[in-house]
Structure formats: structure tokens, C-alpha cells
Amino acid sequence: MKKIILSAVILAGFSSLAAQVGMGKASVDGDAILDFPLSNTGIILPMVDTLPTGAAASNGTFLLDKTDLRIKMREKNLWVSLSDPGNLTGTMPNASAEAGGGVIIGAASSPAHGVLVLEAAGKALVLPKVNNPVANMKSPVAGTVCYDTVSKTMAVFDGLKWSFWK
């Protein structure tokens, strides 16, 4: 948990200095606002007990819904499932109290609500790149997301199996 908080503080500091952040690399690729190197790790999405609604439910939000064990994305003001029902075995619930409005990269503020908000008109998130996550990610947990460089798809792990999206 301390590493997550430290990372958030470091990211917050970078957000005011530059519009682009490279995690574990010296520079970002192209117009990335947040970029990761080729590795065998992914981003772990937040698990929620109830789906956000109203102003807290921004389009483009990704999360793991604990009520039906599905990874979901907010699109056109609707929650879209990106996986079949999964399993939470091996996941650790966040037991700490939430504080603050999250970290915003790319702008001083944002109308979006989230633990990490990337706010930029001309830049995008570059997911962590993994060569064949099924074979190379040894212990993924439910909610892991990455870009599979072999299939050239977004890969999401629901705790039981990987789903792939073009």
C-alpha cells in the first residue's frame, strides 16, 4: 500500500511538471500521456462494491465490479462488460480509507472521478506491453489489464481467464 501511495505522490508531482509520464522508462512513445515499458506486468484496475453513477461515472472509466466479478468499461453512459464473470482468489481488497480526489495527470483539474485520471486532449494512455500475457504473466490478479504485443489486443484478466479486445 505504501508503494501505491508513494507512486501516486510521485505521479502527482510529475503531472505539474510535464504532460507526459514514463513509468520505468526514460521517455514516452509518441503522444502518450502515461507510458510503460515492455514487461510482464500490467495495470490492476480498482475493484468497486457498487458501480459509480451520475457525475462519478465518467465515460472511459475501467474497473472490476465485485457484484458480478466482471471487468467493465463506461461507454456512452452505460457499463459494458469486457470479461465473463471471474474470480477474486488472490486479490487483496483495499482496506484503507479513501482520501482526496485521486491523481490527475495532464491538467490542473478534471470533472472525472477516479483514482488516476488522465486528462489530455491530444494524448492517451499506453498500456503496459506484454508479449503473450497468458504465457508470460505468472501470477495475474483479477482486474489486470495490459496490451498483448503478440495478438495486438487489449488483454484483461478476470481472475479465471484472459479476454482480448481489438
N, C-alpha and C. Protein backbone atom coordinates (compact mmCIF):
# COMPACT_ATOMS: atom_id res chain seq x y z
N MET A 1 0.82 -1.18 0.00
CA MET A 1 0.00 0.00 0.00
C MET A 1 0.88 1.25 0.00
N LYS A 2 2.00 1.19 0.73
CA LYS A 2 2.90 2.34 0.78
C LYS A 2 3.47 2.65 -0.60
N LYS A 3 3.75 1.60 -1.39
CA LYS A 3 4.27 1.80 -2.73
C LYS A 3 3.24 2.50 -3.61
N ILE A 4 1.97 2.15 -3.46
CA ILE A 4 0.91 2.77 -4.24
C ILE A 4 0.81 4.25 -3.89
N ILE A 5 0.82 4.56 -2.61
CA ILE A 5 0.73 5.95 -2.17
C ILE A 5 1.94 6.73 -2.66
N LEU A 6 3.14 6.17 -2.53
CA LEU A 6 4.35 6.84 -2.99
C LEU A 6 4.28 7.07 -4.50
N SER A 7 3.83 6.07 -5.25
CA SER A 7 3.68 6.22 -6.70
C SER A 7 2.71 7.33 -7.04
N ALA A 8 1.60 7.39 -6.30
CA ALA A 8 0.61 8.43 -6.55
C ALA A 8 1.19 9.82 -6.29
N VAL A 9 1.97 9.96 -5.22
CA VAL A 9 2.58 11.25 -4.91
C VAL A 9 3.59 11.63 -6.00
N ILE A 10 4.38 10.66 -6.44
CA ILE A 10 5.36 10.93 -7.49
C ILE A 10 4.64 11.32 -8.78
N LEU A 11 3.58 10.58 -9.13
CA LEU A 11 2.81 10.91 -10.32
C LEU A 11 2.20 12.29 -10.22
N ALA A 12 1.71 12.66 -9.07
CA ALA A 12 1.12 13.99 -8.88
C ALA A 12 2.18 15.07 -9.11
N GLY A 13 3.38 14.82 -8.63
CA GLY A 13 4.45 15.77 -8.86
C GLY A 13 4.81 15.90 -10.32
N PHE A 14 4.87 14.79 -11.03
CA PHE A 14 5.16 14.81 -12.45
C PHE A 14 4.07 15.53 -13.23
N SER A 15 2.82 15.40 -12.79
CA SER A 15 1.72 15.99 -13.55
C SER A 15 1.84 17.49 -13.64
N SER A 16 2.42 18.11 -12.64
CA SER A 16 2.56 19.55 -12.70
C SER A 16 3.80 19.96 -13.50
N LEU A 17 4.74 19.05 -13.69
CA LEU A 17 5.97 19.37 -14.39
C LEU A 17 5.90 19.09 -15.88
N ALA A 18 5.21 18.02 -16.27
CA ALA A 18 5.17 17.62 -17.66
C ALA A 18 3.86 16.95 -17.97
N ALA A 19 3.47 17.03 -19.22
CA ALA A 19 2.21 16.42 -19.63
C ALA A 19 2.39 14.95 -19.98
N GLN A 20 3.61 14.45 -19.99
CA GLN A 20 3.86 13.07 -20.34
C GLN A 20 4.68 12.40 -19.24
N VAL A 21 4.30 11.17 -18.89
CA VAL A 21 4.98 10.44 -17.82
C VAL A 21 5.35 9.05 -18.33
N GLY A 22 6.61 8.68 -18.18
CA GLY A 22 7.09 7.34 -18.49
C GLY A 22 7.31 6.59 -17.19
N MET A 23 6.69 5.44 -17.05
CA MET A 23 6.84 4.63 -15.84
C MET A 23 7.92 3.58 -16.10
N GLY A 24 9.05 3.71 -15.45
CA GLY A 24 10.13 2.73 -15.63
C GLY A 24 10.85 2.88 -16.95
N LYS A 25 10.77 4.05 -17.57
CA LYS A 25 11.49 4.30 -18.82
C LYS A 25 11.82 5.78 -18.90
N ALA A 26 12.86 6.11 -19.64
CA ALA A 26 13.36 7.48 -19.70
C ALA A 26 12.49 8.40 -20.53
N SER A 27 11.80 7.88 -21.53
CA SER A 27 10.97 8.73 -22.38
C SER A 27 9.70 7.98 -22.76
N VAL A 28 8.72 8.72 -23.22
CA VAL A 28 7.46 8.10 -23.63
C VAL A 28 7.43 7.92 -25.14
N ASP A 29 6.61 6.99 -25.59
CA ASP A 29 6.45 6.74 -27.02
C ASP A 29 5.38 7.66 -27.58
N GLY A 30 5.72 8.41 -28.61
CA GLY A 30 4.73 9.24 -29.31
C GLY A 30 4.00 10.20 -28.41
N ASP A 31 2.68 10.23 -28.55
CA ASP A 31 1.84 11.17 -27.81
C ASP A 31 1.24 10.55 -26.57
N ALA A 32 1.95 9.68 -25.91
CA ALA A 32 1.44 9.06 -24.70
C ALA A 32 1.46 10.05 -23.55
N ILE A 33 0.40 10.05 -22.74
CA ILE A 33 0.39 10.85 -21.51
C ILE A 33 0.98 10.01 -20.37
N LEU A 34 0.80 8.68 -20.46
CA LEU A 34 1.34 7.75 -19.48
C LEU A 34 1.76 6.51 -20.24
N ASP A 35 3.02 6.11 -20.11
CA ASP A 35 3.58 5.03 -20.93
C ASP A 35 4.39 4.08 -20.06
N PHE A 36 4.36 2.81 -20.40
CA PHE A 36 5.05 1.76 -19.66
C PHE A 36 5.98 1.01 -20.60
N PRO A 37 7.07 0.44 -20.08
CA PRO A 37 7.98 -0.33 -20.93
C PRO A 37 7.44 -1.74 -21.17
N LEU A 38 8.04 -2.44 -22.13
CA LEU A 38 7.73 -3.84 -22.35
C LEU A 38 8.14 -4.61 -21.10
N SER A 39 7.20 -5.39 -20.53
CA SER A 39 7.50 -6.13 -19.31
C SER A 39 6.50 -7.28 -19.18
N ASN A 40 6.47 -7.89 -18.03
CA ASN A 40 5.50 -8.95 -17.75
C ASN A 40 4.56 -8.52 -16.64
N THR A 41 4.19 -7.23 -16.63
CA THR A 41 3.29 -6.70 -15.63
C THR A 41 2.19 -5.89 -16.32
N GLY A 42 1.12 -5.66 -15.60
CA GLY A 42 0.02 -4.86 -16.14
C GLY A 42 -0.47 -3.87 -15.11
N ILE A 43 -1.52 -3.16 -15.47
CA ILE A 43 -2.20 -2.26 -14.55
C ILE A 43 -3.30 -3.07 -13.86
N ILE A 44 -3.46 -2.90 -12.56
CA ILE A 44 -4.54 -3.58 -11.85
C ILE A 44 -5.64 -2.56 -11.60
N LEU A 45 -6.80 -2.83 -12.17
CA LEU A 45 -7.93 -1.91 -12.05
C LEU A 45 -8.50 -1.92 -10.64
N PRO A 46 -9.13 -0.80 -10.25
CA PRO A 46 -9.76 -0.78 -8.93
C PRO A 46 -10.99 -1.68 -8.90
N MET A 47 -11.21 -2.33 -7.74
CA MET A 47 -12.42 -3.13 -7.52
C MET A 47 -13.43 -2.26 -6.79
N VAL A 48 -14.68 -2.28 -7.26
CA VAL A 48 -15.70 -1.47 -6.60
C VAL A 48 -16.84 -2.37 -6.11
N ASP A 49 -17.41 -1.99 -4.97
CA ASP A 49 -18.56 -2.72 -4.42
C ASP A 49 -19.84 -2.39 -5.18
N THR A 50 -19.97 -1.14 -5.62
CA THR A 50 -21.13 -0.71 -6.42
C THR A 50 -20.63 0.16 -7.55
N LEU A 51 -21.27 0.06 -8.71
CA LEU A 51 -20.87 0.84 -9.87
C LEU A 51 -21.16 2.32 -9.65
N PRO A 52 -20.22 3.18 -9.99
CA PRO A 52 -20.48 4.62 -9.90
C PRO A 52 -21.63 5.03 -10.82
N THR A 53 -22.37 6.03 -10.40
CA THR A 53 -23.47 6.55 -11.21
C THR A 53 -23.35 8.08 -11.27
N GLY A 54 -24.17 8.69 -12.10
CA GLY A 54 -24.21 10.14 -12.20
C GLY A 54 -22.88 10.72 -12.60
N ALA A 55 -22.51 11.85 -11.99
CA ALA A 55 -21.28 12.56 -12.33
C ALA A 55 -20.03 11.74 -12.01
N ALA A 56 -20.13 10.78 -11.09
CA ALA A 56 -18.98 9.95 -10.73
C ALA A 56 -18.70 8.86 -11.75
N ALA A 57 -19.59 8.70 -12.74
CA ALA A 57 -19.46 7.63 -13.73
C ALA A 57 -19.05 8.23 -15.07
N SER A 58 -17.78 8.57 -15.22
CA SER A 58 -17.28 9.18 -16.44
C SER A 58 -17.07 8.13 -17.53
N ASN A 59 -17.46 8.47 -18.76
CA ASN A 59 -17.17 7.59 -19.89
C ASN A 59 -15.66 7.40 -19.99
N GLY A 60 -15.22 6.20 -20.33
CA GLY A 60 -13.79 5.88 -20.39
C GLY A 60 -13.25 5.30 -19.10
N THR A 61 -14.11 5.12 -18.09
CA THR A 61 -13.69 4.54 -16.82
C THR A 61 -13.61 3.02 -16.94
N PHE A 62 -12.55 2.43 -16.38
CA PHE A 62 -12.37 0.98 -16.34
C PHE A 62 -12.33 0.56 -14.88
N LEU A 63 -12.97 -0.59 -14.55
CA LEU A 63 -12.99 -1.08 -13.17
C LEU A 63 -13.34 -2.55 -13.13
N LEU A 64 -13.21 -3.14 -11.96
CA LEU A 64 -13.64 -4.51 -11.70
C LEU A 64 -14.84 -4.43 -10.76
N ASP A 65 -15.99 -4.91 -11.24
CA ASP A 65 -17.24 -4.87 -10.48
C ASP A 65 -17.32 -6.11 -9.60
N LYS A 66 -17.23 -5.92 -8.27
CA LYS A 66 -17.26 -7.06 -7.35
C LYS A 66 -18.62 -7.73 -7.28
N THR A 67 -19.70 -7.04 -7.71
CA THR A 67 -21.03 -7.64 -7.62
C THR A 67 -21.21 -8.79 -8.60
N ASP A 68 -20.63 -8.68 -9.80
CA ASP A 68 -20.76 -9.77 -10.78
C ASP A 68 -19.41 -10.28 -11.28
N LEU A 69 -18.32 -9.80 -10.67
CA LEU A 69 -16.95 -10.27 -10.95
C LEU A 69 -16.53 -10.05 -12.40
N ARG A 70 -17.02 -8.97 -13.02
CA ARG A 70 -16.69 -8.65 -14.40
C ARG A 70 -15.87 -7.37 -14.48
N ILE A 71 -14.94 -7.34 -15.43
CA ILE A 71 -14.23 -6.12 -15.75
C ILE A 71 -15.14 -5.31 -16.66
N LYS A 72 -15.30 -4.01 -16.34
CA LYS A 72 -16.23 -3.19 -17.09
C LYS A 72 -15.59 -1.86 -17.50
N MET A 73 -16.18 -1.31 -18.57
CA MET A 73 -15.77 -0.01 -19.08
C MET A 73 -17.03 0.82 -19.24
N ARG A 74 -16.94 2.11 -18.93
CA ARG A 74 -18.07 3.03 -19.11
C ARG A 74 -17.99 3.59 -20.52
N GLU A 75 -19.04 3.34 -21.32
CA GLU A 75 -19.09 3.80 -22.71
C GLU A 75 -20.51 4.27 -23.02
N LYS A 76 -20.64 5.47 -23.57
CA LYS A 76 -21.94 6.04 -23.92
C LYS A 76 -22.90 6.01 -22.73
N ASN A 77 -22.36 6.33 -21.54
CA ASN A 77 -23.12 6.38 -20.29
C ASN A 77 -23.71 5.04 -19.85
N LEU A 78 -23.12 3.95 -20.34
CA LEU A 78 -23.53 2.60 -19.94
C LEU A 78 -22.28 1.81 -19.53
N TRP A 79 -22.45 0.86 -18.61
CA TRP A 79 -21.36 -0.03 -18.22
C TRP A 79 -21.34 -1.22 -19.16
N VAL A 80 -20.22 -1.46 -19.85
CA VAL A 80 -20.05 -2.53 -20.81
C VAL A 80 -19.11 -3.57 -20.22
N SER A 81 -19.51 -4.85 -20.22
CA SER A 81 -18.64 -5.91 -19.70
C SER A 81 -17.54 -6.23 -20.70
N LEU A 82 -16.31 -6.32 -20.21
CA LEU A 82 -15.17 -6.71 -21.04
C LEU A 82 -14.71 -8.13 -20.74
N SER A 83 -15.37 -8.78 -19.78
CA SER A 83 -14.98 -10.14 -19.43
C SER A 83 -16.21 -10.92 -18.99
N ASP A 84 -16.05 -12.22 -18.92
CA ASP A 84 -17.05 -13.07 -18.30
C ASP A 84 -16.88 -12.95 -16.78
N PRO A 85 -17.81 -13.51 -16.02
CA PRO A 85 -17.60 -13.50 -14.56
C PRO A 85 -16.28 -14.18 -14.19
N GLY A 86 -15.52 -13.55 -13.32
CA GLY A 86 -14.22 -14.08 -12.94
C GLY A 86 -14.19 -14.59 -11.52
N ASN A 87 -13.06 -14.40 -10.86
CA ASN A 87 -12.84 -14.92 -9.53
C ASN A 87 -11.90 -13.97 -8.81
N LEU A 88 -12.14 -13.71 -7.55
CA LEU A 88 -11.30 -12.79 -6.79
C LEU A 88 -10.22 -13.48 -5.97
N THR A 89 -10.02 -14.79 -6.16
CA THR A 89 -8.98 -15.51 -5.45
C THR A 89 -7.63 -14.86 -5.75
N GLY A 90 -6.87 -14.58 -4.71
CA GLY A 90 -5.55 -13.99 -4.87
C GLY A 90 -5.55 -12.48 -4.86
N THR A 91 -6.72 -11.85 -4.84
CA THR A 91 -6.76 -10.39 -4.78
C THR A 91 -6.77 -9.93 -3.34
N MET A 92 -6.28 -8.74 -3.12
CA MET A 92 -6.26 -8.16 -1.79
C MET A 92 -7.16 -6.94 -1.80
N PRO A 93 -8.24 -6.95 -1.04
CA PRO A 93 -9.10 -5.75 -1.00
C PRO A 93 -8.38 -4.59 -0.35
N ASN A 94 -8.67 -3.39 -0.82
CA ASN A 94 -8.10 -2.18 -0.24
C ASN A 94 -8.89 -1.84 1.01
N ALA A 95 -8.28 -1.99 2.17
CA ALA A 95 -8.97 -1.76 3.43
C ALA A 95 -8.73 -0.35 3.98
N SER A 96 -7.90 0.44 3.28
CA SER A 96 -7.61 1.78 3.78
C SER A 96 -8.72 2.75 3.36
N ALA A 97 -8.89 3.79 4.16
CA ALA A 97 -9.90 4.80 3.85
C ALA A 97 -9.43 5.62 2.65
N GLU A 98 -10.35 5.92 1.73
CA GLU A 98 -10.01 6.76 0.59
C GLU A 98 -9.90 8.20 1.03
N ALA A 99 -8.93 8.89 0.47
CA ALA A 99 -8.75 10.30 0.80
C ALA A 99 -8.41 11.05 -0.48
N GLY A 100 -8.89 12.26 -0.60
CA GLY A 100 -8.58 13.08 -1.77
C GLY A 100 -9.38 12.65 -2.98
N GLY A 101 -9.10 13.31 -4.08
CA GLY A 101 -9.85 13.05 -5.30
C GLY A 101 -9.09 12.22 -6.31
N GLY A 102 -7.98 11.64 -5.95
CA GLY A 102 -7.19 10.86 -6.88
C GLY A 102 -6.08 11.71 -7.48
N VAL A 103 -5.36 11.13 -8.44
CA VAL A 103 -4.26 11.79 -9.11
C VAL A 103 -4.70 12.15 -10.52
N ILE A 104 -4.45 13.39 -10.91
CA ILE A 104 -4.77 13.85 -12.26
C ILE A 104 -3.46 14.13 -12.97
N ILE A 105 -3.28 13.57 -14.16
CA ILE A 105 -2.11 13.83 -14.98
C ILE A 105 -2.57 14.51 -16.25
N GLY A 106 -1.91 15.60 -16.61
CA GLY A 106 -2.20 16.29 -17.85
C GLY A 106 -3.02 17.55 -17.71
N ALA A 107 -3.56 17.81 -16.54
CA ALA A 107 -4.36 19.02 -16.31
C ALA A 107 -4.35 19.36 -14.82
N ALA A 108 -4.71 20.60 -14.52
CA ALA A 108 -4.76 21.01 -13.12
C ALA A 108 -5.98 20.45 -12.41
N SER A 109 -7.05 20.19 -13.15
CA SER A 109 -8.27 19.63 -12.57
C SER A 109 -9.01 18.84 -13.63
N SER A 110 -10.04 18.12 -13.21
CA SER A 110 -10.83 17.32 -14.13
C SER A 110 -12.23 17.10 -13.56
N PRO A 111 -13.24 17.07 -14.43
CA PRO A 111 -14.59 16.73 -13.94
C PRO A 111 -14.75 15.24 -13.68
N ALA A 112 -13.80 14.43 -14.16
CA ALA A 112 -13.88 12.98 -13.98
C ALA A 112 -13.49 12.60 -12.55
N HIS A 113 -14.05 11.50 -12.07
CA HIS A 113 -13.74 10.99 -10.74
C HIS A 113 -12.99 9.67 -10.91
N GLY A 114 -11.88 9.50 -10.21
CA GLY A 114 -11.14 8.25 -10.28
C GLY A 114 -9.87 8.32 -9.46
N VAL A 115 -9.25 7.16 -9.24
CA VAL A 115 -8.00 7.13 -8.50
C VAL A 115 -6.86 7.67 -9.36
N LEU A 116 -6.96 7.48 -10.67
CA LEU A 116 -5.98 8.02 -11.61
C LEU A 116 -6.76 8.53 -12.81
N VAL A 117 -6.69 9.84 -13.05
CA VAL A 117 -7.40 10.46 -14.16
C VAL A 117 -6.37 11.03 -15.12
N LEU A 118 -6.43 10.60 -16.37
CA LEU A 118 -5.55 11.13 -17.41
C LEU A 118 -6.39 12.10 -18.23
N GLU A 119 -6.04 13.36 -18.17
CA GLU A 119 -6.86 14.42 -18.78
C GLU A 119 -6.01 15.14 -19.82
N ALA A 120 -6.20 14.81 -21.09
CA ALA A 120 -5.44 15.45 -22.15
C ALA A 120 -6.21 15.35 -23.46
N ALA A 121 -6.24 16.44 -24.21
CA ALA A 121 -6.99 16.46 -25.47
C ALA A 121 -6.25 15.72 -26.58
N GLY A 122 -4.92 15.69 -26.54
CA GLY A 122 -4.17 15.10 -27.64
C GLY A 122 -3.24 13.98 -27.25
N LYS A 123 -3.42 13.40 -26.08
CA LYS A 123 -2.55 12.32 -25.63
C LYS A 123 -3.40 11.18 -25.07
N ALA A 124 -2.79 10.00 -24.96
CA ALA A 124 -3.54 8.83 -24.49
C ALA A 124 -2.68 7.97 -23.57
N LEU A 125 -3.32 7.07 -22.86
CA LEU A 125 -2.63 6.08 -22.05
C LEU A 125 -2.08 5.00 -22.97
N VAL A 126 -0.84 4.63 -22.77
CA VAL A 126 -0.27 3.46 -23.44
C VAL A 126 -0.19 2.38 -22.37
N LEU A 127 -0.96 1.32 -22.54
CA LEU A 127 -0.99 0.24 -21.55
C LEU A 127 0.36 -0.44 -21.44
N PRO A 128 0.66 -1.06 -20.30
CA PRO A 128 1.87 -1.87 -20.22
C PRO A 128 1.85 -2.93 -21.31
N LYS A 129 2.98 -3.07 -22.00
CA LYS A 129 3.09 -4.02 -23.11
C LYS A 129 3.65 -5.34 -22.61
N VAL A 130 2.97 -6.45 -22.98
CA VAL A 130 3.40 -7.78 -22.56
C VAL A 130 3.37 -8.69 -23.79
N ASN A 131 4.46 -9.42 -24.03
CA ASN A 131 4.47 -10.43 -25.08
C ASN A 131 3.74 -11.66 -24.57
N ASN A 132 2.51 -11.89 -25.07
CA ASN A 132 1.72 -13.06 -24.71
C ASN A 132 1.50 -13.18 -23.19
N PRO A 133 0.59 -12.37 -22.63
CA PRO A 133 0.39 -12.39 -21.18
C PRO A 133 -0.06 -13.74 -20.63
N VAL A 134 -0.76 -14.54 -21.43
CA VAL A 134 -1.21 -15.86 -20.96
C VAL A 134 0.00 -16.70 -20.57
N ALA A 135 1.04 -16.65 -21.37
CA ALA A 135 2.24 -17.46 -21.12
C ALA A 135 3.23 -16.76 -20.18
N ASN A 136 3.28 -15.44 -20.21
CA ASN A 136 4.36 -14.75 -19.54
C ASN A 136 4.01 -14.03 -18.25
N MET A 137 2.74 -13.85 -17.94
CA MET A 137 2.37 -13.25 -16.65
C MET A 137 2.07 -14.40 -15.70
N LYS A 138 2.98 -14.66 -14.80
CA LYS A 138 2.90 -15.84 -13.94
C LYS A 138 1.80 -15.78 -12.89
N SER A 139 1.51 -14.62 -12.33
CA SER A 139 0.53 -14.52 -11.25
C SER A 139 -0.38 -13.30 -11.41
N PRO A 140 -1.12 -13.21 -12.52
CA PRO A 140 -2.01 -12.05 -12.65
C PRO A 140 -3.16 -12.16 -11.65
N VAL A 141 -3.66 -11.00 -11.22
CA VAL A 141 -4.82 -10.98 -10.34
C VAL A 141 -5.99 -10.38 -11.10
N ALA A 142 -7.18 -10.63 -10.60
CA ALA A 142 -8.39 -10.11 -11.23
C ALA A 142 -8.27 -8.60 -11.38
N GLY A 143 -8.60 -8.12 -12.58
CA GLY A 143 -8.53 -6.69 -12.86
C GLY A 143 -7.26 -6.26 -13.55
N THR A 144 -6.36 -7.19 -13.88
CA THR A 144 -5.13 -6.85 -14.58
C THR A 144 -5.43 -6.54 -16.04
N VAL A 145 -4.86 -5.44 -16.54
CA VAL A 145 -5.04 -5.01 -17.92
C VAL A 145 -3.66 -4.73 -18.52
N CYS A 146 -3.46 -5.14 -19.79
CA CYS A 146 -2.23 -4.85 -20.49
C CYS A 146 -2.48 -4.90 -22.00
N TYR A 147 -1.46 -4.57 -22.78
CA TYR A 147 -1.53 -4.69 -24.23
C TYR A 147 -0.70 -5.89 -24.65
N ASP A 148 -1.33 -6.87 -25.32
CA ASP A 148 -0.64 -8.08 -25.78
C ASP A 148 0.02 -7.76 -27.12
N THR A 149 1.36 -7.71 -27.13
CA THR A 149 2.09 -7.36 -28.35
C THR A 149 2.04 -8.47 -29.40
N VAL A 150 1.70 -9.69 -29.00
CA VAL A 150 1.62 -10.79 -29.96
C VAL A 150 0.29 -10.74 -30.71
N SER A 151 -0.83 -10.69 -29.99
CA SER A 151 -2.14 -10.66 -30.64
C SER A 151 -2.56 -9.25 -31.04
N LYS A 152 -1.80 -8.24 -30.56
CA LYS A 152 -2.09 -6.83 -30.81
C LYS A 152 -3.49 -6.45 -30.34
N THR A 153 -3.79 -6.85 -29.08
CA THR A 153 -5.09 -6.59 -28.47
C THR A 153 -4.91 -6.12 -27.03
N MET A 154 -5.97 -5.51 -26.49
CA MET A 154 -6.00 -5.22 -25.07
C MET A 154 -6.39 -6.51 -24.37
N ALA A 155 -5.64 -6.89 -23.35
CA ALA A 155 -5.91 -8.11 -22.61
C ALA A 155 -6.38 -7.76 -21.21
N VAL A 156 -7.48 -8.39 -20.75
CA VAL A 156 -7.98 -8.18 -19.40
C VAL A 156 -8.11 -9.54 -18.72
N PHE A 157 -7.69 -9.61 -17.45
CA PHE A 157 -7.75 -10.85 -16.70
C PHE A 157 -8.82 -10.72 -15.63
N ASP A 158 -9.78 -11.64 -15.62
CA ASP A 158 -10.92 -11.56 -14.70
C ASP A 158 -10.75 -12.42 -13.45
N GLY A 159 -9.58 -12.99 -13.28
CA GLY A 159 -9.32 -13.85 -12.13
C GLY A 159 -9.37 -15.32 -12.50
N LEU A 160 -9.99 -15.63 -13.66
CA LEU A 160 -10.04 -17.01 -14.16
C LEU A 160 -9.35 -17.15 -15.51
N LYS A 161 -9.63 -16.21 -16.40
CA LYS A 161 -9.06 -16.31 -17.75
C LYS A 161 -8.86 -14.92 -18.35
N TRP A 162 -8.10 -14.89 -19.42
CA TRP A 162 -7.85 -13.66 -20.16
C TRP A 162 -8.92 -13.47 -21.22
N SER A 163 -9.33 -12.21 -21.44
CA SER A 163 -10.20 -11.83 -22.57
C SER A 163 -9.43 -10.81 -23.38
N PHE A 164 -9.63 -10.82 -24.69
CA PHE A 164 -8.85 -9.97 -25.59
C PHE A 164 -9.78 -9.10 -26.43
N TRP A 165 -9.42 -7.81 -26.56
CA TRP A 165 -10.26 -6.82 -27.25
C TRP A 165 -9.44 -6.08 -28.29
N LYS A 166 -9.94 -6.06 -29.52
CA LYS A 166 -9.28 -5.27 -30.61
C LYS A 166 -9.85 -3.90 -30.63
